[in-house]
PDB file of N, CA and C in Angstrom:
ATOM      1  N   MET A   1     163.957  97.850 141.348  1.00  0.00           N
ATOM      2  CA  MET A   1     162.679  98.499 141.133  1.00  0.00           C
ATOM      3  C   MET A   1     161.925  98.418 142.134  1.00  0.00           C
ATOM      4  N   LYS A   2     161.563  99.784 142.508  1.00  0.00           N
ATOM      5  CA  LYS A   2     160.765  99.946 143.489  1.00  0.00           C
ATOM      6  C   LYS A   2     159.894 101.487 142.885  1.00  0.00           C
ATOM      7  N   LEU A   3     158.536 100.954 142.916  1.00  0.00           N
ATOM      8  CA  LEU A   3     157.342 101.753 143.009  1.00  0.00           C
ATOM      9  C   LEU A   3     156.659 102.675 143.811  1.00  0.00           C
ATOM     10  N   SER A   4     156.136 103.993 143.634  1.00  0.00           N
ATOM     11  CA  SER A   4     155.538 104.684 144.442  1.00  0.00           C
ATOM     12  C   SER A   4     154.608 105.550 143.371  1.00  0.00           C
ATOM     13  N   VAL A   5     153.448 105.526 144.644  1.00  0.00           N
ATOM     14  CA  VAL A   5     153.087 106.886 143.925  1.00  0.00           C
ATOM     15  C   VAL A   5     152.324 108.690 145.100  1.00  0.00           C
ATOM     16  N   ASP A   6     152.246 109.553 144.137  1.00  0.00           N
ATOM     17  CA  ASP A   6     152.137 110.773 145.166  1.00  0.00           C
ATOM     18  C   ASP A   6     150.943 110.592 145.268  1.00  0.00           C
ATOM     19  N   ARG A   7     150.521 110.781 146.198  1.00  0.00           N
ATOM     20  CA  ARG A   7     148.785 110.617 146.692  1.00  0.00           C
ATOM     21  C   ARG A   7     148.473 112.212 146.771  1.00  0.00           C
ATOM     22  N   THR A   8     149.092 113.477 146.660  1.00  0.00           N
ATOM     23  CA  THR A   8     149.178 114.236 146.467  1.00  0.00           C
ATOM     24  C   THR A   8     148.646 114.797 144.954  1.00  0.00           C
ATOM     25  N   LEU A   9     149.141 114.169 144.316  1.00  0.00           N
ATOM     26  CA  LEU A   9     149.126 114.236 142.729  1.00  0.00           C
ATOM     27  C   LEU A   9     147.646 113.386 142.074  1.00  0.00           C
ATOM     28  N   CYS A  10     148.489 112.510 142.380  1.00  0.00           N
ATOM     29  CA  CYS A  10     147.028 111.089 141.967  1.00  0.00           C
ATOM     30  C   CYS A  10     145.435 111.657 141.879  1.00  0.00           C
ATOM     31  N   ASP A  11     145.223 111.520 140.315  1.00  0.00           N
ATOM     32  CA  ASP A  11     143.755 111.696 140.946  1.00  0.00           C
ATOM     33  C   ASP A  11     142.990 110.877 140.060  1.00  0.00           C
ATOM     34  N   GLY A  12     143.318 109.431 140.589  1.00  0.00           N
ATOM     35  CA  GLY A  12     142.670 108.171 140.257  1.00  0.00           C
ATOM     36  C   GLY A  12     142.165 107.882 138.704  1.00  0.00           C
ATOM     37  N   ASN A  13     142.797 108.647 137.750  1.00  0.00           N
ATOM     38  CA  ASN A  13     142.139 108.300 136.172  1.00  0.00           C
ATOM     39  C   ASN A  13     142.312 107.267 136.075  1.00  0.00           C
ATOM     40  N   GLY A  14     143.272 106.040 136.301  1.00  0.00           N
ATOM     41  CA  GLY A  14     143.429 104.659 136.114  1.00  0.00           C
ATOM     42  C   GLY A  14     144.030 104.566 134.791  1.00  0.00           C
ATOM     43  N   VAL A  15     144.906 105.108 134.193  1.00  0.00           N
ATOM     44  CA  VAL A  15     145.858 105.248 133.841  1.00  0.00           C
ATOM     45  C   VAL A  15     146.343 103.991 133.611  1.00  0.00           C
ATOM     46  N   CYS A  16     146.616 104.295 134.883  1.00  0.00           N
ATOM     47  CA  CYS A  16     147.815 102.633 134.849  1.00  0.00           C
ATOM     48  C   CYS A  16     147.390 101.703 135.537  1.00  0.00           C
ATOM     49  N   MET A  17     146.034 101.527 135.998  1.00  0.00           N
ATOM     50  CA  MET A  17     146.002 100.325 136.175  1.00  0.00           C
ATOM     51  C   MET A  17     145.153  99.562 134.769  1.00  0.00           C
ATOM     52  N   GLY A  18     144.775 100.373 133.573  1.00  0.00           N
ATOM     53  CA  GLY A  18     144.748 100.149 132.582  1.00  0.00           C
ATOM     54  C   GLY A  18     145.918  99.413 131.377  1.00  0.00           C
ATOM     55  N   ILE A  19     146.733  99.706 132.451  1.00  0.00           N
ATOM     56  CA  ILE A  19     147.997  99.749 131.655  1.00  0.00           C
ATOM     57  C   ILE A  19     148.795  98.215 132.347  1.00  0.00           C
ATOM     58  N   ALA A  20     148.810  98.145 133.607  1.00  0.00           N
ATOM     59  CA  ALA A  20     149.501  97.202 134.477  1.00  0.00           C
ATOM     60  C   ALA A  20     148.063  97.045 135.498  1.00  0.00           C
ATOM     61  N   PRO A  21     147.331  96.525 135.458  1.00  0.00           N
ATOM     62  CA  PRO A  21     146.321  95.930 136.339  1.00  0.00           C
ATOM     63  C   PRO A  21     146.468  95.125 137.416  1.00  0.00           C
ATOM     64  N   ASP A  22     147.500  94.312 136.878  1.00  0.00           N
ATOM     65  CA  ASP A  22     148.397  92.937 138.123  1.00  0.00           C
ATOM     66  C   ASP A  22     148.967  94.259 139.259  1.00  0.00           C
ATOM     67  N   VAL A  23     149.462  95.038 139.104  1.00  0.00           N
ATOM     68  CA  VAL A  23     150.181  95.829 140.245  1.00  0.00           C
ATOM     69  C   VAL A  23     149.628  97.036 140.537  1.00  0.00           C
ATOM     70  N   PHE A  24     148.410  97.881 139.508  1.00  0.00           N
ATOM     71  CA  PHE A  24     147.332  98.672 140.274  1.00  0.00           C
ATOM     72  C   PHE A  24     146.120  98.387 140.498  1.00  0.00           C
ATOM     73  N   ASP A  25     145.327  99.196 141.450  1.00  0.00           N
ATOM     74  CA  ASP A  25     144.024  99.144 142.144  1.00  0.00           C
ATOM     75  C   ASP A  25     143.646 100.140 142.628  1.00  0.00           C
ATOM     76  N   ILE A  26     142.282 100.572 141.892  1.00  0.00           N
ATOM     77  CA  ILE A  26     141.390 101.597 142.383  1.00  0.00           C
ATOM     78  C   ILE A  26     140.410 101.704 143.176  1.00  0.00           C
ATOM     79  N   ASP A  27     139.947 101.782 144.065  1.00  0.00           N
ATOM     80  CA  ASP A  27     138.848 102.082 144.531  1.00  0.00           C
ATOM     81  C   ASP A  27     137.634 102.924 144.216  1.00  0.00           C
ATOM     82  N   ASP A  28     136.379 102.380 145.310  1.00  0.00           N
ATOM     83  CA  ASP A  28     135.390 103.480 144.635  1.00  0.00           C
ATOM     84  C   ASP A  28     134.765 105.233 145.189  1.00  0.00           C
ATOM     85  N   ASP A  29     136.296 105.579 145.781  1.00  0.00           N
ATOM     86  CA  ASP A  29     136.537 106.234 146.169  1.00  0.00           C
ATOM     87  C   ASP A  29     137.948 107.189 144.854  1.00  0.00           C
ATOM     88  N   LEU A  30     138.031 106.381 143.985  1.00  0.00           N
ATOM     89  CA  LEU A  30     139.606 106.848 143.434  1.00  0.00           C
ATOM     90  C   LEU A  30     141.022 107.374 144.231  1.00  0.00           C
ATOM     91  N   ASN A  31     140.721 106.128 144.802  1.00  0.00           N
ATOM     92  CA  ASN A  31     142.134 106.015 145.147  1.00  0.00           C
ATOM     93  C   ASN A  31     142.849 105.233 144.917  1.00  0.00           C
ATOM     94  N   LEU A  32     144.495 105.166 144.421  1.00  0.00           N
ATOM     95  CA  LEU A  32     145.122 104.263 143.796  1.00  0.00           C
ATOM     96  C   LEU A  32     146.054 104.022 144.646  1.00  0.00           C
ATOM     97  N   HIS A  33     146.266 102.081 144.605  1.00  0.00           N
ATOM     98  CA  HIS A  33     146.504 101.017 145.742  1.00  0.00           C
ATOM     99  C   HIS A  33     147.445 100.234 145.010  1.00  0.00           C
ATOM    100  N   ILE A  34     148.990 100.417 145.533  1.00  0.00           N
ATOM    101  CA  ILE A  34     149.762  99.348 144.304  1.00  0.00           C
ATOM    102  C   ILE A  34     150.074  98.534 145.552  1.00  0.00           C
ATOM    103  N   VAL A  35     149.370  97.323 144.500  1.00  0.00           N
ATOM    104  CA  VAL A  35     149.124  96.218 144.699  1.00  0.00           C
ATOM    105  C   VAL A  35     150.141  95.021 144.472  1.00  0.00           C
ATOM    106  N   ASP A  36     151.820  95.781 144.204  1.00  0.00           N
ATOM    107  CA  ASP A  36     152.564  95.167 144.188  1.00  0.00           C
ATOM    108  C   ASP A  36     153.822  96.155 143.844  1.00  0.00           C
ATOM    109  N   GLU A  37     154.222  96.190 144.898  1.00  0.00           N
ATOM    110  CA  GLU A  37     155.698  98.011 144.787  1.00  0.00           C
ATOM    111  C   GLU A  37     156.603  97.370 144.575  1.00  0.00           C
ATOM    112  N   ILE A  38     157.346  95.629 144.254  1.00  0.00           N
ATOM    113  CA  ILE A  38     158.358  95.468 143.683  1.00  0.00           C
ATOM    114  C   ILE A  38     158.403  94.220 142.825  1.00  0.00           C
ATOM    115  N   PRO A  39     157.665  94.401 141.735  1.00  0.00           N
ATOM    116  CA  PRO A  39     157.060  93.689 140.689  1.00  0.00           C
ATOM    117  C   PRO A  39     158.833  92.648 140.781  1.00  0.00           C
ATOM    118  N   ASP A  40     158.958  91.091 139.991  1.00  0.00           N
ATOM    119  CA  ASP A  40     159.705  90.320 139.468  1.00  0.00           C
ATOM    120  C   ASP A  40     159.591  90.410 138.128  1.00  0.00           C
ATOM    121  N   ASP A  41     158.494  89.734 137.735  1.00  0.00           N
ATOM    122  CA  ASP A  41     158.436  89.464 136.550  1.00  0.00           C
ATOM    123  C   ASP A  41     159.033  90.622 135.331  1.00  0.00           C
ATOM    124  N   PRO A  42     159.965  90.258 134.425  1.00  0.00           N
ATOM    125  CA  PRO A  42     160.041  91.518 133.683  1.00  0.00           C
ATOM    126  C   PRO A  42     159.057  91.909 132.755  1.00  0.00           C
ATOM    127  N   ALA A  43     158.186  91.172 132.067  1.00  0.00           N
ATOM    128  CA  ALA A  43     156.874  91.762 131.630  1.00  0.00           C
ATOM    129  C   ALA A  43     155.775  92.718 132.348  1.00  0.00           C
ATOM    130  N   ILE A  44     155.877  92.267 133.784  1.00  0.00           N
ATOM    131  CA  ILE A  44     155.492  93.382 134.705  1.00  0.00           C
ATOM    132  C   ILE A  44     155.946  94.747 134.470  1.00  0.00           C
ATOM    133  N   GLN A  45     157.444  94.536 134.887  1.00  0.00           N
ATOM    134  CA  GLN A  45     158.234  95.489 135.025  1.00  0.00           C
ATOM    135  C   GLN A  45     158.004  96.333 133.897  1.00  0.00           C
ATOM    136  N   ALA A  46     158.178  95.983 132.630  1.00  0.00           N
ATOM    137  CA  ALA A  46     157.529  96.944 131.133  1.00  0.00           C
ATOM    138  C   ALA A  46     156.557  97.423 131.734  1.00  0.00           C
ATOM    139  N   GLN A  47     155.400  96.869 131.894  1.00  0.00           N
ATOM    140  CA  GLN A  47     153.987  97.584 131.850  1.00  0.00           C
ATOM    141  C   GLN A  47     154.285  98.907 133.253  1.00  0.00           C
ATOM    142  N   VAL A  48     154.977  98.559 134.154  1.00  0.00           N
ATOM    143  CA  VAL A  48     154.807  99.710 135.152  1.00  0.00           C
ATOM    144  C   VAL A  48     155.825 100.670 134.833  1.00  0.00           C
ATOM    145  N   ARG A  49     156.948 100.803 133.690  1.00  0.00           N
ATOM    146  CA  ARG A  49     157.615 101.654 133.472  1.00  0.00           C
ATOM    147  C   ARG A  49     157.012 103.088 132.489  1.00  0.00           C
ATOM    148  N   GLN A  50     156.140 101.898 131.927  1.00  0.00           N
ATOM    149  CA  GLN A  50     154.842 102.225 130.830  1.00  0.00           C
ATOM    150  C   GLN A  50     153.760 102.723 131.483  1.00  0.00           C
ATOM    151  N   SER A  51     153.582 102.588 132.122  1.00  0.00           N
ATOM    152  CA  SER A  51     152.633 103.179 133.456  1.00  0.00           C
ATOM    153  C   SER A  51     153.142 104.592 134.128  1.00  0.00           C
ATOM    154  N   VAL A  52     154.611 104.545 134.850  1.00  0.00           N
ATOM    155  CA  VAL A  52     155.059 105.968 135.036  1.00  0.00           C
ATOM    156  C   VAL A  52     155.293 106.589 134.622  1.00  0.00           C
ATOM    157  N   THR A  53     155.553 106.320 132.898  1.00  0.00           N
ATOM    158  CA  THR A  53     155.806 107.556 132.205  1.00  0.00           C
ATOM    159  C   THR A  53     154.415 108.311 131.012  1.00  0.00           C
ATOM    160  N   SER A  54     152.961 107.259 131.325  1.00  0.00           N
ATOM    161  CA  SER A  54     151.821 107.358 131.151  1.00  0.00           C
ATOM    162  C   SER A  54     150.975 108.207 131.406  1.00  0.00           C
ATOM    163  N   CYS A  55     151.426 108.602 132.812  1.00  0.00           N
ATOM    164  CA  CYS A  55     150.959 109.145 134.019  1.00  0.00           C
ATOM    165  C   CYS A  55     150.836 110.404 133.642  1.00  0.00           C
ATOM    166  N   PRO A  56     149.120 110.672 133.158  1.00  0.00           N
ATOM    167  CA  PRO A  56     148.901 112.152 133.063  1.00  0.00           C
ATOM    168  C   PRO A  56     149.201 113.282 133.993  1.00  0.00           C
ATOM    169  N   VAL A  57     149.155 113.039 135.377  1.00  0.00           N
ATOM    170  CA  VAL A  57     149.545 113.954 136.560  1.00  0.00           C
ATOM    171  C   VAL A  57     151.055 113.895 137.373  1.00  0.00           C
ATOM    172  N   LEU A  58     151.918 113.053 136.671  1.00  0.00           N
ATOM    173  CA  LEU A  58     153.513 112.630 137.020  1.00  0.00           C
ATOM    174  C   LEU A  58     153.078 112.103 138.393  1.00  0.00           C
ATOM    175  N   ALA A  59     151.861 111.538 138.901  1.00  0.00           N
ATOM    176  CA  ALA A  59     152.209 111.024 140.423  1.00  0.00           C
ATOM    177  C   ALA A  59     152.643 109.404 140.723  1.00  0.00           C
ATOM    178  N   LEU A  60     153.502 109.005 139.350  1.00  0.00           N
ATOM    179  CA  LEU A  60     154.366 107.841 140.332  1.00  0.00           C
ATOM    180  C   LEU A  60     155.626 108.212 139.969  1.00  0.00           C
ATOM    181  N   SER A  61     156.580 107.405 140.737  1.00  0.00           N
ATOM    182  CA  SER A  61     157.871 107.260 140.247  1.00  0.00           C
ATOM    183  C   SER A  61     158.519 105.868 141.269  1.00  0.00           C
ATOM    184  N   LEU A  62     159.649 105.790 140.078  1.00  0.00           N
ATOM    185  CA  LEU A  62     160.041 104.396 140.097  1.00  0.00           C
ATOM    186  C   LEU A  62     161.486 104.752 140.572  1.00  0.00           C
ATOM    187  N   GLU A  63     162.282 103.447 141.093  1.00  0.00           N
ATOM    188  CA  GLU A  63     163.462 103.708 141.663  1.00  0.00           C
ATOM    189  C   GLU A  63     164.446 102.200 141.343  1.00  0.00           C
ATOM    190  N   GLU A  64     164.916 102.439 140.496  1.00  0.00           N
ATOM    191  CA  GLU A  64     165.707 100.810 139.890  1.00  0.00           C
ATOM    192  C   GLU A  64     166.760 100.471 140.527  1.00  0.00           C
TER     193      GLU A  64
END
């Protein structure tokens, strides 16, 4: 599993961070940072999948 963000689409709304706070961080300028691009923990992987499908601007992608 490898996670990536399309920074041209991301608006820093924070939905992903609310679902997977151990993976995502948003700075004061609303820039998304992926803290863990390749999570090992199955519980966190489930959160990442939910984050990808919940992104309202479709800025997240996942390679399995």
